[in-house]
Amino acid sequence: MKTVQIRLDSIDKVKSFVNIITKYDSDFDLISGRYVIDAKSIMGIFSLDLSRPIELAIHTDDNFDEIKEVLKPFIIE
């Protein structure tokens, strides 16, 4: 598992983010404080505080670099 910090501060960003990650068979979790939700769940994402950065846990080793590249617009460096 590897993690990156992301920002999803608009409805369009949330929709785009979910559309991208649902193309992958890997598991993705969003971690915000003590809450951990399935990142492929739009309803789950909207239950989080989207005004702050969120930790994205990516449960894969095979194509991590590819996933990180396509998620670049959301990643906070």
PDB file of N, CA and C in Angstrom:
ATOM      1  N   MET A   1       0.849  -1.187   0.000  1.00  0.00           N
ATOM      2  CA  MET A   1       0.000   0.000   0.000  1.00  0.00           C
ATOM      3  C   MET A   1       0.888   1.243   0.000  1.00  0.00           C
ATOM      4  N   LYS A   2       0.533   2.198  -0.832  1.00  0.00           N
ATOM      5  CA  LYS A   2       1.229   3.482  -0.882  1.00  0.00           C
ATOM      6  C   LYS A   2       0.191   4.579  -0.733  1.00  0.00           C
ATOM      7  N   THR A   3       0.613   5.717  -0.202  1.00  0.00           N
ATOM      8  CA  THR A   3      -0.333   6.811   0.015  1.00  0.00           C
ATOM      9  C   THR A   3       0.149   8.100  -0.628  1.00  0.00           C
ATOM     10  N   VAL A   4      -0.817   8.927  -1.017  1.00  0.00           N
ATOM     11  CA  VAL A   4      -0.564  10.272  -1.531  1.00  0.00           C
ATOM     12  C   VAL A   4      -1.634  11.192  -0.953  1.00  0.00           C
ATOM     13  N   GLN A   5      -1.318  12.464  -0.869  1.00  0.00           N
ATOM     14  CA  GLN A   5      -2.290  13.462  -0.428  1.00  0.00           C
ATOM     15  C   GLN A   5      -2.984  14.029  -1.660  1.00  0.00           C
ATOM     16  N   ILE A   6      -4.318  14.094  -1.594  1.00  0.00           N
ATOM     17  CA  ILE A   6      -5.081  14.643  -2.721  1.00  0.00           C
ATOM     18  C   ILE A   6      -6.041  15.718  -2.226  1.00  0.00           C
ATOM     19  N   ARG A   7      -6.536  16.498  -3.172  1.00  0.00           N
ATOM     20  CA  ARG A   7      -7.561  17.501  -2.867  1.00  0.00           C
ATOM     21  C   ARG A   7      -8.715  17.307  -3.844  1.00  0.00           C
ATOM     22  N   LEU A   8      -9.920  17.169  -3.283  1.00  0.00           N
ATOM     23  CA  LEU A   8     -11.152  17.023  -4.075  1.00  0.00           C
ATOM     24  C   LEU A   8     -12.104  18.126  -3.620  1.00  0.00           C
ATOM     25  N   ASP A   9     -11.879  19.339  -4.100  1.00  0.00           N
ATOM     26  CA  ASP A   9     -12.609  20.493  -3.573  1.00  0.00           C
ATOM     27  C   ASP A   9     -13.753  20.991  -4.456  1.00  0.00           C
ATOM     28  N   SER A  10     -14.220  20.122  -5.364  1.00  0.00           N
ATOM     29  CA  SER A  10     -15.397  20.486  -6.156  1.00  0.00           C
ATOM     30  C   SER A  10     -16.127  19.211  -6.588  1.00  0.00           C
ATOM     31  N   ILE A  11     -17.390  19.355  -6.912  1.00  0.00           N
ATOM     32  CA  ILE A  11     -18.190  18.207  -7.356  1.00  0.00           C
ATOM     33  C   ILE A  11     -17.608  17.611  -8.634  1.00  0.00           C
ATOM     34  N   ASP A  12     -17.176  18.462  -9.551  1.00  0.00           N
ATOM     35  CA  ASP A  12     -16.599  17.976 -10.804  1.00  0.00           C
ATOM     36  C   ASP A  12     -15.322  17.182 -10.563  1.00  0.00           C
ATOM     37  N   LYS A  13     -14.495  17.635  -9.619  1.00  0.00           N
ATOM     38  CA  LYS A  13     -13.269  16.902  -9.299  1.00  0.00           C
ATOM     39  C   LYS A  13     -13.587  15.533  -8.706  1.00  0.00           C
ATOM     40  N   VAL A  14     -14.592  15.464  -7.849  1.00  0.00           N
ATOM     41  CA  VAL A  14     -14.983  14.183  -7.246  1.00  0.00           C
ATOM     42  C   VAL A  14     -15.448  13.226  -8.336  1.00  0.00           C
ATOM     43  N   LYS A  15     -16.302  13.686  -9.233  1.00  0.00           N
ATOM     44  CA  LYS A  15     -16.802  12.837 -10.316  1.00  0.00           C
ATOM     45  C   LYS A  15     -15.663  12.345 -11.206  1.00  0.00           C
ATOM     46  N   SER A  16     -14.784  13.246 -11.583  1.00  0.00           N
ATOM     47  CA  SER A  16     -13.658  12.892 -12.438  1.00  0.00           C
ATOM     48  C   SER A  16     -12.739  11.891 -11.738  1.00  0.00           C
ATOM     49  N   PHE A  17     -12.456  12.124 -10.467  1.00  0.00           N
ATOM     50  CA  PHE A  17     -11.600  11.241  -9.677  1.00  0.00           C
ATOM     51  C   PHE A  17     -12.189   9.819  -9.632  1.00  0.00           C
ATOM     52  N   VAL A  18     -13.470   9.704  -9.317  1.00  0.00           N
ATOM     53  CA  VAL A  18     -14.112   8.387  -9.221  1.00  0.00           C
ATOM     54  C   VAL A  18     -14.129   7.703 -10.591  1.00  0.00           C
ATOM     55  N   ASN A  19     -14.395   8.446 -11.653  1.00  0.00           N
ATOM     56  CA  ASN A  19     -14.390   7.863 -13.002  1.00  0.00           C
ATOM     57  C   ASN A  19     -13.019   7.292 -13.354  1.00  0.00           C
ATOM     58  N   ILE A  20     -11.958   7.962 -12.922  1.00  0.00           N
ATOM     59  CA  ILE A  20     -10.602   7.488 -13.214  1.00  0.00           C
ATOM     60  C   ILE A  20     -10.293   6.213 -12.428  1.00  0.00           C
ATOM     61  N   ILE A  21     -10.531   6.228 -11.123  1.00  0.00           N
ATOM     62  CA  ILE A  21     -10.090   5.078 -10.323  1.00  0.00           C
ATOM     63  C   ILE A  21     -10.963   3.838 -10.502  1.00  0.00           C
ATOM     64  N   THR A  22     -12.196   4.003 -10.961  1.00  0.00           N
ATOM     65  CA  THR A  22     -13.027   2.812 -11.175  1.00  0.00           C
ATOM     66  C   THR A  22     -12.535   1.991 -12.365  1.00  0.00           C
ATOM     67  N   LYS A  23     -11.654   2.539 -13.176  1.00  0.00           N
ATOM     68  CA  LYS A  23     -11.079   1.796 -14.301  1.00  0.00           C
ATOM     69  C   LYS A  23     -10.020   0.786 -13.844  1.00  0.00           C
ATOM     70  N   TYR A  24      -9.601   0.897 -12.584  1.00  0.00           N
ATOM     71  CA  TYR A  24      -8.559   0.022 -12.052  1.00  0.00           C
ATOM     72  C   TYR A  24      -9.165  -1.010 -11.104  1.00  0.00           C
ATOM     73  N   ASP A  25      -8.611  -2.226 -11.127  1.00  0.00           N
ATOM     74  CA  ASP A  25      -9.080  -3.289 -10.246  1.00  0.00           C
ATOM     75  C   ASP A  25      -8.563  -3.131  -8.822  1.00  0.00           C
ATOM     76  N   SER A  26      -7.587  -2.291  -8.613  1.00  0.00           N
ATOM     77  CA  SER A  26      -6.982  -2.094  -7.294  1.00  0.00           C
ATOM     78  C   SER A  26      -7.987  -1.486  -6.325  1.00  0.00           C
ATOM     79  N   ASP A  27      -7.709  -1.660  -5.040  1.00  0.00           N
ATOM     80  CA  ASP A  27      -8.528  -1.029  -4.006  1.00  0.00           C
ATOM     81  C   ASP A  27      -7.950   0.326  -3.664  1.00  0.00           C
ATOM     82  N   PHE A  28      -8.833   1.281  -3.422  1.00  0.00           N
ATOM     83  CA  PHE A  28      -8.452   2.644  -3.060  1.00  0.00           C
ATOM     84  C   PHE A  28      -9.250   3.041  -1.823  1.00  0.00           C
ATOM     85  N   ASP A  29      -8.576   3.595  -0.828  1.00  0.00           N
ATOM     86  CA  ASP A  29      -9.252   4.100   0.365  1.00  0.00           C
ATOM     87  C   ASP A  29      -8.917   5.568   0.548  1.00  0.00           C
ATOM     88  N   LEU A  30      -9.891   6.330   1.022  1.00  0.00           N
ATOM     89  CA  LEU A  30      -9.651   7.715   1.409  1.00  0.00           C
ATOM     90  C   LEU A  30      -9.654   7.767   2.930  1.00  0.00           C
ATOM     91  N   ILE A  31      -8.630   8.425   3.481  1.00  0.00           N
ATOM     92  CA  ILE A  31      -8.470   8.502   4.922  1.00  0.00           C
ATOM     93  C   ILE A  31      -8.512   9.968   5.329  1.00  0.00           C
ATOM     94  N   SER A  32      -9.465  10.297   6.176  1.00  0.00           N
ATOM     95  CA  SER A  32      -9.610  11.661   6.675  1.00  0.00           C
ATOM     96  C   SER A  32      -9.852  11.567   8.181  1.00  0.00           C
ATOM     97  N   GLY A  33      -8.814  11.865   8.945  1.00  0.00           N
ATOM     98  CA  GLY A  33      -8.922  11.723  10.390  1.00  0.00           C
ATOM     99  C   GLY A  33      -9.104  10.265  10.748  1.00  0.00           C
ATOM    100  N   ARG A  34     -10.166   9.959  11.469  1.00  0.00           N
ATOM    101  CA  ARG A  34     -10.410   8.566  11.856  1.00  0.00           C
ATOM    102  C   ARG A  34     -11.311   7.828  10.873  1.00  0.00           C
ATOM    103  N   TYR A  35     -11.736   8.486   9.820  1.00  0.00           N
ATOM    104  CA  TYR A  35     -12.626   7.882   8.831  1.00  0.00           C
ATOM    105  C   TYR A  35     -11.838   7.292   7.668  1.00  0.00           C
ATOM    106  N   VAL A  36     -12.204   6.086   7.281  1.00  0.00           N
ATOM    107  CA  VAL A  36     -11.637   5.424   6.109  1.00  0.00           C
ATOM    108  C   VAL A  36     -12.808   4.977   5.245  1.00  0.00           C
ATOM    109  N   ILE A  37     -12.841   5.454   4.003  1.00  0.00           N
ATOM    110  CA  ILE A  37     -13.951   5.092   3.120  1.00  0.00           C
ATOM    111  C   ILE A  37     -13.411   4.580   1.786  1.00  0.00           C
ATOM    112  N   ASP A  38     -14.240   3.824   1.090  1.00  0.00           N
ATOM    113  CA  ASP A  38     -13.893   3.320  -0.241  1.00  0.00           C
ATOM    114  C   ASP A  38     -13.866   4.511  -1.202  1.00  0.00           C
ATOM    115  N   ALA A  39     -12.730   4.726  -1.827  1.00  0.00           N
ATOM    116  CA  ALA A  39     -12.571   5.889  -2.714  1.00  0.00           C
ATOM    117  C   ALA A  39     -13.415   5.784  -3.979  1.00  0.00           C
ATOM    118  N   LYS A  40     -13.948   4.622  -4.283  1.00  0.00           N
ATOM    119  CA  LYS A  40     -14.793   4.456  -5.460  1.00  0.00           C
ATOM    120  C   LYS A  40     -16.251   4.788  -5.167  1.00  0.00           C
ATOM    121  N   SER A  41     -16.541   5.180  -3.936  1.00  0.00           N
ATOM    122  CA  SER A  41     -17.906   5.506  -3.519  1.00  0.00           C
ATOM    123  C   SER A  41     -18.117   7.020  -3.503  1.00  0.00           C
ATOM    124  N   ILE A  42     -18.874   7.516  -4.458  1.00  0.00           N
ATOM    125  CA  ILE A  42     -19.136   8.960  -4.514  1.00  0.00           C
ATOM    126  C   ILE A  42     -19.835   9.428  -3.245  1.00  0.00           C
ATOM    127  N   MET A  43     -20.814   8.678  -2.787  1.00  0.00           N
ATOM    128  CA  MET A  43     -21.526   9.058  -1.563  1.00  0.00           C
ATOM    129  C   MET A  43     -20.580   9.074  -0.362  1.00  0.00           C
ATOM    130  N   GLY A  44     -19.680   8.122  -0.307  1.00  0.00           N
ATOM    131  CA  GLY A  44     -18.699   8.087   0.773  1.00  0.00           C
ATOM    132  C   GLY A  44     -17.794   9.301   0.749  1.00  0.00           C
ATOM    133  N   ILE A  45     -17.360   9.690  -0.430  1.00  0.00           N
ATOM    134  CA  ILE A  45     -16.478  10.861  -0.559  1.00  0.00           C
ATOM    135  C   ILE A  45     -17.185  12.109  -0.060  1.00  0.00           C
ATOM    136  N   PHE A  46     -18.466  12.262  -0.395  1.00  0.00           N
ATOM    137  CA  PHE A  46     -19.180  13.459   0.026  1.00  0.00           C
ATOM    138  C   PHE A  46     -19.469  13.481   1.530  1.00  0.00           C
ATOM    139  N   SER A  47     -19.212  12.364   2.219  1.00  0.00           N
ATOM    140  CA  SER A  47     -19.372  12.363   3.672  1.00  0.00           C
ATOM    141  C   SER A  47     -18.128  12.907   4.377  1.00  0.00           C
ATOM    142  N   LEU A  48     -17.059  13.137   3.608  1.00  0.00           N
ATOM    143  CA  LEU A  48     -15.812  13.650   4.177  1.00  0.00           C
ATOM    144  C   LEU A  48     -15.758  15.174   4.104  1.00  0.00           C
ATOM    145  N   ASP A  49     -14.857  15.755   4.894  1.00  0.00           N
ATOM    146  CA  ASP A  49     -14.600  17.198   4.837  1.00  0.00           C
ATOM    147  C   ASP A  49     -13.694  17.455   3.638  1.00  0.00           C
ATOM    148  N   LEU A  50     -14.279  17.932   2.539  1.00  0.00           N
ATOM    149  CA  LEU A  50     -13.523  18.114   1.297  1.00  0.00           C
ATOM    150  C   LEU A  50     -12.768  19.440   1.241  1.00  0.00           C
ATOM    151  N   SER A  51     -12.887  20.247   2.272  1.00  0.00           N
ATOM    152  CA  SER A  51     -12.161  21.514   2.280  1.00  0.00           C
ATOM    153  C   SER A  51     -10.695  21.312   2.680  1.00  0.00           C
ATOM    154  N   ARG A  52     -10.375  20.111   3.158  1.00  0.00           N
ATOM    155  CA  ARG A  52      -8.998  19.807   3.575  1.00  0.00           C
ATOM    156  C   ARG A  52      -8.425  18.696   2.702  1.00  0.00           C
ATOM    157  N   PRO A  53      -7.097  18.614   2.634  1.00  0.00           N
ATOM    158  CA  PRO A  53      -6.483  17.509   1.883  1.00  0.00           C
ATOM    159  C   PRO A  53      -6.881  16.161   2.491  1.00  0.00           C
ATOM    160  N   ILE A  54      -6.945  15.146   1.653  1.00  0.00           N
ATOM    161  CA  ILE A  54      -7.338  13.805   2.056  1.00  0.00           C
ATOM    162  C   ILE A  54      -6.220  12.846   1.654  1.00  0.00           C
ATOM    163  N   GLU A  55      -5.972  11.860   2.493  1.00  0.00           N
ATOM    164  CA  GLU A  55      -4.966  10.851   2.188  1.00  0.00           C
ATOM    165  C   GLU A  55      -5.604   9.741   1.359  1.00  0.00           C
ATOM    166  N   LEU A  56      -4.983   9.427   0.231  1.00  0.00           N
ATOM    167  CA  LEU A  56      -5.454   8.348  -0.636  1.00  0.00           C
ATOM    168  C   LEU A  56      -4.507   7.167  -0.482  1.00  0.00           C
ATOM    169  N   ALA A  57      -5.032   6.033  -0.043  1.00  0.00           N
ATOM    170  CA  ALA A  57      -4.247   4.801   0.067  1.00  0.00           C
ATOM    171  C   ALA A  57      -4.524   3.952  -1.174  1.00  0.00           C
ATOM    172  N   ILE A  58      -3.461   3.611  -1.883  1.00  0.00           N
ATOM    173  CA  ILE A  58      -3.566   2.825  -3.108  1.00  0.00           C
ATOM    174  C   ILE A  58      -2.999   1.443  -2.813  1.00  0.00           C
ATOM    175  N   HIS A  59      -3.844   0.432  -2.904  1.00  0.00           N
ATOM    176  CA  HIS A  59      -3.443  -0.930  -2.553  1.00  0.00           C
ATOM    177  C   HIS A  59      -3.008  -1.692  -3.802  1.00  0.00           C
ATOM    178  N   THR A  60      -1.853  -1.305  -4.333  1.00  0.00           N
ATOM    179  CA  THR A  60      -1.278  -1.997  -5.496  1.00  0.00           C
ATOM    180  C   THR A  60       0.212  -1.707  -5.555  1.00  0.00           C
ATOM    181  N   ASP A  61       0.939  -2.608  -6.149  1.00  0.00           N
ATOM    182  CA  ASP A  61       2.354  -2.369  -6.421  1.00  0.00           C
ATOM    183  C   ASP A  61       2.616  -2.438  -7.913  1.00  0.00           C
ATOM    184  N   ASP A  62       1.711  -3.101  -8.625  1.00  0.00           N
ATOM    185  CA  ASP A  62       1.923  -3.362 -10.045  1.00  0.00           C
ATOM    186  C   ASP A  62       1.962  -2.097 -10.898  1.00  0.00           C
ATOM    187  N   ASN A  63       0.955  -1.258 -10.779  1.00  0.00           N
ATOM    188  CA  ASN A  63       0.859  -0.099 -11.672  1.00  0.00           C
ATOM    189  C   ASN A  63       0.736   1.209 -10.881  1.00  0.00           C
ATOM    190  N   PHE A  64       1.431   1.309  -9.763  1.00  0.00           N
ATOM    191  CA  PHE A  64       1.350   2.500  -8.925  1.00  0.00           C
ATOM    192  C   PHE A  64       1.768   3.759  -9.690  1.00  0.00           C
ATOM    193  N   ASP A  65       2.862   3.679 -10.448  1.00  0.00           N
ATOM    194  CA  ASP A  65       3.336   4.866 -11.174  1.00  0.00           C
ATOM    195  C   ASP A  65       2.320   5.334 -12.212  1.00  0.00           C
ATOM    196  N   GLU A  66       1.675   4.388 -12.881  1.00  0.00           N
ATOM    197  CA  GLU A  66       0.641   4.741 -13.865  1.00  0.00           C
ATOM    198  C   GLU A  66      -0.546   5.422 -13.173  1.00  0.00           C
ATOM    199  N   ILE A  67      -0.980   4.847 -12.060  1.00  0.00           N
ATOM    200  CA  ILE A  67      -2.108   5.431 -11.318  1.00  0.00           C
ATOM    201  C   ILE A  67      -1.751   6.819 -10.818  1.00  0.00           C
ATOM    202  N   LYS A  68      -0.554   6.963 -10.275  1.00  0.00           N
ATOM    203  CA  LYS A  68      -0.122   8.272  -9.773  1.00  0.00           C
ATOM    204  C   LYS A  68      -0.098   9.311 -10.898  1.00  0.00           C
ATOM    205  N   GLU A  69       0.304   8.896 -12.078  1.00  0.00           N
ATOM    206  CA  GLU A  69       0.364   9.824 -13.221  1.00  0.00           C
ATOM    207  C   GLU A  69      -1.034  10.302 -13.632  1.00  0.00           C
ATOM    208  N   VAL A  70      -2.005   9.387 -13.710  1.00  0.00           N
ATOM    209  CA  VAL A  70      -3.349   9.800 -14.119  1.00  0.00           C
ATOM    210  C   VAL A  70      -4.063  10.599 -13.025  1.00  0.00           C
ATOM    211  N   LEU A  71      -3.626  10.443 -11.780  1.00  0.00           N
ATOM    212  CA  LEU A  71      -4.234  11.189 -10.677  1.00  0.00           C
ATOM    213  C   LEU A  71      -3.493  12.488 -10.369  1.00  0.00           C
ATOM    214  N   LYS A  72      -2.524  12.825 -11.183  1.00  0.00           N
ATOM    215  CA  LYS A  72      -1.693  14.016 -10.956  1.00  0.00           C
ATOM    216  C   LYS A  72      -2.494  15.310 -10.727  1.00  0.00           C
ATOM    217  N   PRO A  73      -3.614  15.536 -11.429  1.00  0.00           N
ATOM    218  CA  PRO A  73      -4.366  16.782 -11.195  1.00  0.00           C
ATOM    219  C   PRO A  73      -4.943  16.893  -9.770  1.00  0.00           C
ATOM    220  N   PHE A  74      -5.045  15.777  -9.064  1.00  0.00           N
ATOM    221  CA  PHE A  74      -5.632  15.775  -7.720  1.00  0.00           C
ATOM    222  C   PHE A  74      -4.586  15.739  -6.611  1.00  0.00           C
ATOM    223  N   ILE A  75      -3.361  15.335  -6.961  1.00  0.00           N
ATOM    224  CA  ILE A  75      -2.317  15.111  -5.962  1.00  0.00           C
ATOM    225  C   ILE A  75      -1.703  16.440  -5.520  1.00  0.00           C
ATOM    226  N   ILE A  76      -1.509  16.546  -4.198  1.00  0.00           N
ATOM    227  CA  ILE A  76      -0.829  17.706  -3.614  1.00  0.00           C
ATOM    228  C   ILE A  76       0.604  17.270  -3.342  1.00  0.00           C
ATOM    229  N   GLU A  77       1.540  17.941  -3.943  1.00  0.00           N
ATOM    230  CA  GLU A  77       2.964  17.574  -3.759  1.00  0.00           C
ATOM    231  C   GLU A  77       3.536  18.185  -2.515  1.00  0.00           C
TER     232      GLU A  77
END
